[in-house]
Amino acid sequence: MRGLGLLMLLAAHARGGAAGPGVLETLEAFPHAESMERRELRVIDHQVGLGALQKIHGDWEFRDSERLSGLLTRETFRIVDGFAAAQVLASLEEQLVERGSRLLFRCEGRACGHAAQWANRVFGQRVLYGRADEQRYRVHALQRDGREWRVVLYAGARTSDRQYVHVDVLALERAGEDSATQLEE
């Protein structure tokens, strides 16, 4: 796994590194990750899951969560050339830890809840639906460059040839600043 981490780190540095969390830039530069969709949107009270998905009174809900506002960047990648999504996720986590992140929540496999709900309800990416025992979900908090971020990582596999990693990077609003000012920076 060290070799994969080094390869991803070198790919990111070849593109000039990144401010903030840097995980999207790392994946975009990684030659074995193909971007399938990228979206940026301003969110208000966006729910970040800090617990497994479970059915409560007929509705799918997180066991625990936080609601945050800011600029959300979402990107889904297909992992190709025989690399495993779990390996890529582990390398991204290693990068986040090196940047000083704090792990807020993690789950693996069936402990995360129903894989179809993660794919469709949480991320809106049906391609992420795969085997429940192959899913991994992480939430990291990062303070860097005078900003606060939440980084959500999700890895899933349908088959050995269909491996996916989804990343949400949420740049949190700063207290006392309006959203338009922050987005111009």
C-alpha atoms as a PDB file:
ATOM      1  CA  MET A   1       0.000   0.000   0.000  1.00  0.00           C
ATOM      2  CA  ARG A   2       2.957   2.309   0.567  1.00  0.00           C
ATOM      3  CA  GLY A   3       3.742   2.120  -3.157  1.00  0.00           C
ATOM      4  CA  LEU A   4       0.228   3.251  -4.059  1.00  0.00           C
ATOM      5  CA  GLY A   5       0.397   6.112  -1.555  1.00  0.00           C
ATOM      6  CA  LEU A   6       3.716   7.256  -2.960  1.00  0.00           C
ATOM      7  CA  LEU A   7       2.380   7.053  -6.523  1.00  0.00           C
ATOM      8  CA  MET A   8      -0.656   9.160  -5.589  1.00  0.00           C
ATOM      9  CA  LEU A   9       1.474  11.683  -3.712  1.00  0.00           C
ATOM     10  CA  LEU A  10       3.859  12.041  -6.661  1.00  0.00           C
ATOM     11  CA  ALA A  11       0.906  12.518  -9.015  1.00  0.00           C
ATOM     12  CA  ALA A  12      -0.440  15.325  -6.831  1.00  0.00           C
ATOM     13  CA  HIS A  13       2.933  17.047  -6.587  1.00  0.00           C
ATOM     14  CA  ALA A  14       3.342  16.845 -10.349  1.00  0.00           C
ATOM     15  CA  ARG A  15       0.219  19.011 -10.608  1.00  0.00           C
ATOM     16  CA  GLY A  16       1.551  21.505  -8.096  1.00  0.00           C
ATOM     17  CA  GLY A  17       0.031  20.237  -4.851  1.00  0.00           C
ATOM     18  CA  ALA A  18      -3.128  21.744  -3.427  1.00  0.00           C
ATOM     19  CA  ALA A  19      -4.454  24.079  -0.810  1.00  0.00           C
ATOM     20  CA  GLY A  20      -6.905  22.718   1.725  1.00  0.00           C
ATOM     21  CA  PRO A  21      -7.443  18.975   1.915  1.00  0.00           C
ATOM     22  CA  GLY A  22      -5.923  18.227  -1.521  1.00  0.00           C
ATOM     23  CA  VAL A  23      -7.633  14.844  -1.961  1.00  0.00           C
ATOM     24  CA  LEU A  24      -9.522  15.783  -5.121  1.00  0.00           C
ATOM     25  CA  GLU A  25      -6.359  17.084  -6.743  1.00  0.00           C
ATOM     26  CA  THR A  26      -4.562  13.874  -5.785  1.00  0.00           C
ATOM     27  CA  LEU A  27      -7.231  11.697  -7.379  1.00  0.00           C
ATOM     28  CA  GLU A  28      -7.469  13.894 -10.471  1.00  0.00           C
ATOM     29  CA  ALA A  29      -3.718  13.493 -10.985  1.00  0.00           C
ATOM     30  CA  PHE A  30      -3.703   9.748 -10.198  1.00  0.00           C
ATOM     31  CA  PRO A  31      -3.450   7.934 -13.554  1.00  0.00           C
ATOM     32  CA  HIS A  32      -5.625   5.036 -12.369  1.00  0.00           C
ATOM     33  CA  ALA A  33      -8.643   7.155 -11.368  1.00  0.00           C
ATOM     34  CA  GLU A  34     -11.129   8.334 -13.984  1.00  0.00           C
ATOM     35  CA  SER A  35     -13.414  11.195 -12.985  1.00  0.00           C
ATOM     36  CA  MET A  36     -17.030  10.331 -13.737  1.00  0.00           C
ATOM     37  CA  GLU A  37     -18.765  13.424 -12.406  1.00  0.00           C
ATOM     38  CA  ARG A  38     -17.792  16.579 -10.535  1.00  0.00           C
ATOM     39  CA  ARG A  39     -20.145  19.161  -9.036  1.00  0.00           C
ATOM     40  CA  GLU A  40     -19.659  22.287  -6.970  1.00  0.00           C
ATOM     41  CA  LEU A  41     -22.567  23.762  -5.108  1.00  0.00           C
ATOM     42  CA  ARG A  42     -23.303  26.117  -2.287  1.00  0.00           C
ATOM     43  CA  VAL A  43     -25.055  24.237   0.529  1.00  0.00           C
ATOM     44  CA  ILE A  44     -26.956  25.363   3.589  1.00  0.00           C
ATOM     45  CA  ASP A  45     -27.418  22.878   6.443  1.00  0.00           C
ATOM     46  CA  HIS A  46     -25.888  20.033   4.416  1.00  0.00           C
ATOM     47  CA  GLN A  47     -26.068  16.790   6.383  1.00  0.00           C
ATOM     48  CA  VAL A  48     -22.788  14.962   6.964  1.00  0.00           C
ATOM     49  CA  GLY A  49     -23.282  11.469   8.358  1.00  0.00           C
ATOM     50  CA  LEU A  50     -21.364  10.666  11.530  1.00  0.00           C
ATOM     51  CA  GLY A  51     -22.996   7.295  12.016  1.00  0.00           C
ATOM     52  CA  ALA A  52     -24.272   4.362  10.028  1.00  0.00           C
ATOM     53  CA  LEU A  53     -27.411   4.595   7.914  1.00  0.00           C
ATOM     54  CA  GLN A  54     -30.353   2.856   9.526  1.00  0.00           C
ATOM     55  CA  LYS A  55     -34.073   2.671   9.031  1.00  0.00           C
ATOM     56  CA  ILE A  56     -35.923   4.584  11.763  1.00  0.00           C
ATOM     57  CA  HIS A  57     -39.743   4.657  11.703  1.00  0.00           C
ATOM     58  CA  GLY A  58     -39.682   3.745   8.012  1.00  0.00           C
ATOM     59  CA  ASP A  59     -37.145   6.406   6.986  1.00  0.00           C
ATOM     60  CA  TRP A  60     -33.437   6.015   6.260  1.00  0.00           C
ATOM     61  CA  GLU A  61     -31.437   8.221   8.621  1.00  0.00           C
ATOM     62  CA  PHE A  62     -27.917   8.539   9.956  1.00  0.00           C
ATOM     63  CA  ARG A  63     -27.423   7.289  13.498  1.00  0.00           C
ATOM     64  CA  ASP A  64     -25.652  10.624  14.096  1.00  0.00           C
ATOM     65  CA  SER A  65     -24.883  13.588  11.848  1.00  0.00           C
ATOM     66  CA  GLU A  66     -23.995  17.258  11.698  1.00  0.00           C
ATOM     67  CA  ARG A  67     -25.456  19.987   9.509  1.00  0.00           C
ATOM     68  CA  LEU A  68     -23.003  22.396   7.905  1.00  0.00           C
ATOM     69  CA  SER A  69     -23.033  25.197   5.346  1.00  0.00           C
ATOM     70  CA  GLY A  70     -20.411  26.169   2.790  1.00  0.00           C
ATOM     71  CA  LEU A  71     -19.072  25.258  -0.635  1.00  0.00           C
ATOM     72  CA  LEU A  72     -19.411  21.549  -1.406  1.00  0.00           C
ATOM     73  CA  THR A  73     -17.328  19.901  -4.116  1.00  0.00           C
ATOM     74  CA  ARG A  74     -18.377  16.342  -4.984  1.00  0.00           C
ATOM     75  CA  GLU A  75     -16.531  14.044  -7.329  1.00  0.00           C
ATOM     76  CA  THR A  76     -16.935  10.374  -8.190  1.00  0.00           C
ATOM     77  CA  PHE A  77     -14.044   8.370  -9.616  1.00  0.00           C
ATOM     78  CA  ARG A  78     -13.807   4.953 -11.201  1.00  0.00           C
ATOM     79  CA  ILE A  79     -10.623   3.173 -10.134  1.00  0.00           C
ATOM     80  CA  VAL A  80      -9.072   1.269 -13.050  1.00  0.00           C
ATOM     81  CA  ASP A  81      -6.100  -0.883 -14.060  1.00  0.00           C
ATOM     82  CA  GLY A  82      -6.536  -3.430 -11.280  1.00  0.00           C
ATOM     83  CA  PHE A  83      -6.286  -1.029  -8.350  1.00  0.00           C
ATOM     84  CA  ALA A  84      -8.771  -1.494  -5.508  1.00  0.00           C
ATOM     85  CA  ALA A  85     -10.983   1.305  -4.225  1.00  0.00           C
ATOM     86  CA  ALA A  86     -10.116   0.274  -0.652  1.00  0.00           C
ATOM     87  CA  GLN A  87      -6.398   0.832  -1.364  1.00  0.00           C
ATOM     88  CA  VAL A  88      -7.065   4.246  -2.866  1.00  0.00           C
ATOM     89  CA  LEU A  89      -9.231   5.249   0.097  1.00  0.00           C
ATOM     90  CA  ALA A  90      -6.495   4.170   2.529  1.00  0.00           C
ATOM     91  CA  SER A  91      -3.935   6.274   0.637  1.00  0.00           C
ATOM     92  CA  LEU A  92      -6.228   9.309   0.689  1.00  0.00           C
ATOM     93  CA  GLU A  93      -6.745   8.860   4.426  1.00  0.00           C
ATOM     94  CA  GLU A  94      -3.001   8.685   4.936  1.00  0.00           C
ATOM     95  CA  GLN A  95      -2.653  11.982   3.057  1.00  0.00           C
ATOM     96  CA  LEU A  96      -5.350  13.605   5.210  1.00  0.00           C
ATOM     97  CA  VAL A  97      -3.689  12.450   8.426  1.00  0.00           C
ATOM     98  CA  GLU A  98      -0.353  13.843   7.220  1.00  0.00           C
ATOM     99  CA  ARG A  99      -2.112  17.188   6.688  1.00  0.00           C
ATOM    100  CA  GLY A 100      -3.384  17.126  10.282  1.00  0.00           C
ATOM    101  CA  SER A 101      -6.956  15.909   9.857  1.00  0.00           C
ATOM    102  CA  ARG A 102      -9.018  14.426  12.647  1.00  0.00           C
ATOM    103  CA  LEU A 103     -11.141  11.332  11.987  1.00  0.00           C
ATOM    104  CA  LEU A 104     -14.757  11.980  13.022  1.00  0.00           C
ATOM    105  CA  PHE A 105     -16.334   8.713  11.877  1.00  0.00           C
ATOM    106  CA  ARG A 106     -15.509   5.535  10.021  1.00  0.00           C
ATOM    107  CA  CYS A 107     -17.327   2.360   9.127  1.00  0.00           C
ATOM    108  CA  GLU A 108     -16.696  -0.644   6.936  1.00  0.00           C
ATOM    109  CA  GLY A 109     -18.855  -3.222   5.274  1.00  0.00           C
ATOM    110  CA  ARG A 110     -22.321  -3.959   6.545  1.00  0.00           C
ATOM    111  CA  ALA A 111     -21.697  -1.832   9.662  1.00  0.00           C
ATOM    112  CA  CYS A 112     -22.185   1.233   7.406  1.00  0.00           C
ATOM    113  CA  GLY A 113     -25.756   0.290   6.552  1.00  0.00           C
ATOM    114  CA  HIS A 114     -27.411  -0.492   3.233  1.00  0.00           C
ATOM    115  CA  ALA A 115     -25.111   0.217   0.252  1.00  0.00           C
ATOM    116  CA  ALA A 116     -27.972   1.264  -2.040  1.00  0.00           C
ATOM    117  CA  GLN A 117     -28.943   4.036   0.377  1.00  0.00           C
ATOM    118  CA  TRP A 118     -25.385   5.411   0.416  1.00  0.00           C
ATOM    119  CA  ALA A 119     -25.235   5.369  -3.373  1.00  0.00           C
ATOM    120  CA  ASN A 120     -28.649   6.862  -4.087  1.00  0.00           C
ATOM    121  CA  ARG A 121     -29.787   8.891  -1.075  1.00  0.00           C
ATOM    122  CA  VAL A 122     -26.515  10.195   0.315  1.00  0.00           C
ATOM    123  CA  PHE A 123     -24.359  10.708  -2.775  1.00  0.00           C
ATOM    124  CA  GLY A 124     -26.865  10.580  -5.652  1.00  0.00           C
ATOM    125  CA  GLN A 125     -24.552   8.286  -7.619  1.00  0.00           C
ATOM    126  CA  ARG A 126     -26.127   4.948  -8.459  1.00  0.00           C
ATOM    127  CA  VAL A 127     -22.803   3.620  -9.786  1.00  0.00           C
ATOM    128  CA  LEU A 128     -21.585   3.529  -6.179  1.00  0.00           C
ATOM    129  CA  TYR A 129     -24.094   0.812  -5.322  1.00  0.00           C
ATOM    130  CA  GLY A 130     -22.171  -2.380  -4.817  1.00  0.00           C
ATOM    131  CA  ARG A 131     -21.540  -5.135  -2.357  1.00  0.00           C
ATOM    132  CA  ALA A 132     -22.296  -4.078   1.215  1.00  0.00           C
ATOM    133  CA  ASP A 133     -19.237  -5.919   2.514  1.00  0.00           C
ATOM    134  CA  GLU A 134     -16.986  -3.878   0.179  1.00  0.00           C
ATOM    135  CA  GLN A 135     -18.110  -0.389   1.238  1.00  0.00           C
ATOM    136  CA  ARG A 136     -16.040   1.986   3.356  1.00  0.00           C
ATOM    137  CA  TYR A 137     -17.022   5.428   4.636  1.00  0.00           C
ATOM    138  CA  ARG A 138     -14.875   8.031   6.398  1.00  0.00           C
ATOM    139  CA  VAL A 139     -15.405  11.585   7.631  1.00  0.00           C
ATOM    140  CA  HIS A 140     -12.401  13.783   8.437  1.00  0.00           C
ATOM    141  CA  ALA A 141     -12.238  17.312   9.853  1.00  0.00           C
ATOM    142  CA  LEU A 142      -9.349  19.486   8.731  1.00  0.00           C
ATOM    143  CA  GLN A 143      -8.224  22.978   9.650  1.00  0.00           C
ATOM    144  CA  ARG A 144      -5.698  24.384   7.216  1.00  0.00           C
ATOM    145  CA  ASP A 145      -4.842  27.697   5.617  1.00  0.00           C
ATOM    146  CA  GLY A 146      -7.213  29.519   7.987  1.00  0.00           C
ATOM    147  CA  ARG A 147     -10.167  27.399   6.807  1.00  0.00           C
ATOM    148  CA  GLU A 148     -12.143  24.501   8.178  1.00  0.00           C
ATOM    149  CA  TRP A 149     -13.130  21.551   5.999  1.00  0.00           C
ATOM    150  CA  ARG A 150     -15.065  18.306   6.161  1.00  0.00           C
ATOM    151  CA  VAL A 151     -13.816  15.579   3.876  1.00  0.00           C
ATOM    152  CA  VAL A 152     -16.062  12.591   3.226  1.00  0.00           C
ATOM    153  CA  LEU A 153     -14.588   9.524   1.536  1.00  0.00           C
ATOM    154  CA  TYR A 154     -16.642   6.580   0.303  1.00  0.00           C
ATOM    155  CA  ALA A 155     -15.286   3.511  -1.466  1.00  0.00           C
ATOM    156  CA  GLY A 156     -17.361   0.781  -3.001  1.00  0.00           C
ATOM    157  CA  ALA A 157     -16.954  -2.133  -5.372  1.00  0.00           C
ATOM    158  CA  ARG A 158     -19.470  -3.800  -7.621  1.00  0.00           C
ATOM    159  CA  THR A 159     -16.931  -6.285  -9.002  1.00  0.00           C
ATOM    160  CA  SER A 160     -13.153  -6.442  -9.138  1.00  0.00           C
ATOM    161  CA  ASP A 161     -13.304  -4.399 -12.371  1.00  0.00           C
ATOM    162  CA  ARG A 162     -15.844  -1.855 -11.136  1.00  0.00           C
ATOM    163  CA  GLN A 163     -14.278  -0.032  -8.197  1.00  0.00           C
ATOM    164  CA  TYR A 164     -15.349   3.482  -7.206  1.00  0.00           C
ATOM    165  CA  VAL A 165     -14.295   6.249  -4.830  1.00  0.00           C
ATOM    166  CA  HIS A 166     -16.525   9.215  -4.060  1.00  0.00           C
ATOM    167  CA  VAL A 167     -15.190  12.348  -2.343  1.00  0.00           C
ATOM    168  CA  ASP A 168     -17.107  15.244  -0.800  1.00  0.00           C
ATOM    169  CA  VAL A 169     -15.023  18.254   0.226  1.00  0.00           C
ATOM    170  CA  LEU A 170     -16.994  20.851   2.171  1.00  0.00           C
ATOM    171  CA  ALA A 171     -15.283  24.204   2.792  1.00  0.00           C
ATOM    172  CA  LEU A 172     -17.174  25.483   5.821  1.00  0.00           C
ATOM    173  CA  GLU A 173     -18.465  29.020   6.048  1.00  0.00           C
ATOM    174  CA  ARG A 174     -16.417  31.211   8.328  1.00  0.00           C
ATOM    175  CA  ALA A 175     -18.287  32.780  11.225  1.00  0.00           C
ATOM    176  CA  GLY A 176     -19.195  36.392  10.542  1.00  0.00           C
ATOM    177  CA  GLU A 177     -18.576  36.228   6.788  1.00  0.00           C
ATOM    178  CA  ASP A 178     -21.213  36.043   4.144  1.00  0.00           C
ATOM    179  CA  SER A 179     -21.083  33.259   1.566  1.00  0.00           C
ATOM    180  CA  ALA A 180     -20.489  35.475  -1.463  1.00  0.00           C
ATOM    181  CA  THR A 181     -17.301  36.900   0.052  1.00  0.00           C
ATOM    182  CA  GLN A 182     -15.919  33.451   0.801  1.00  0.00           C
ATOM    183  CA  LEU A 183     -16.617  32.091  -2.666  1.00  0.00           C
ATOM    184  CA  GLU A 184     -14.643  34.926  -4.281  1.00  0.00           C
ATOM    185  CA  GLU A 185     -11.431  33.975  -2.445  1.00  0.00           C
END
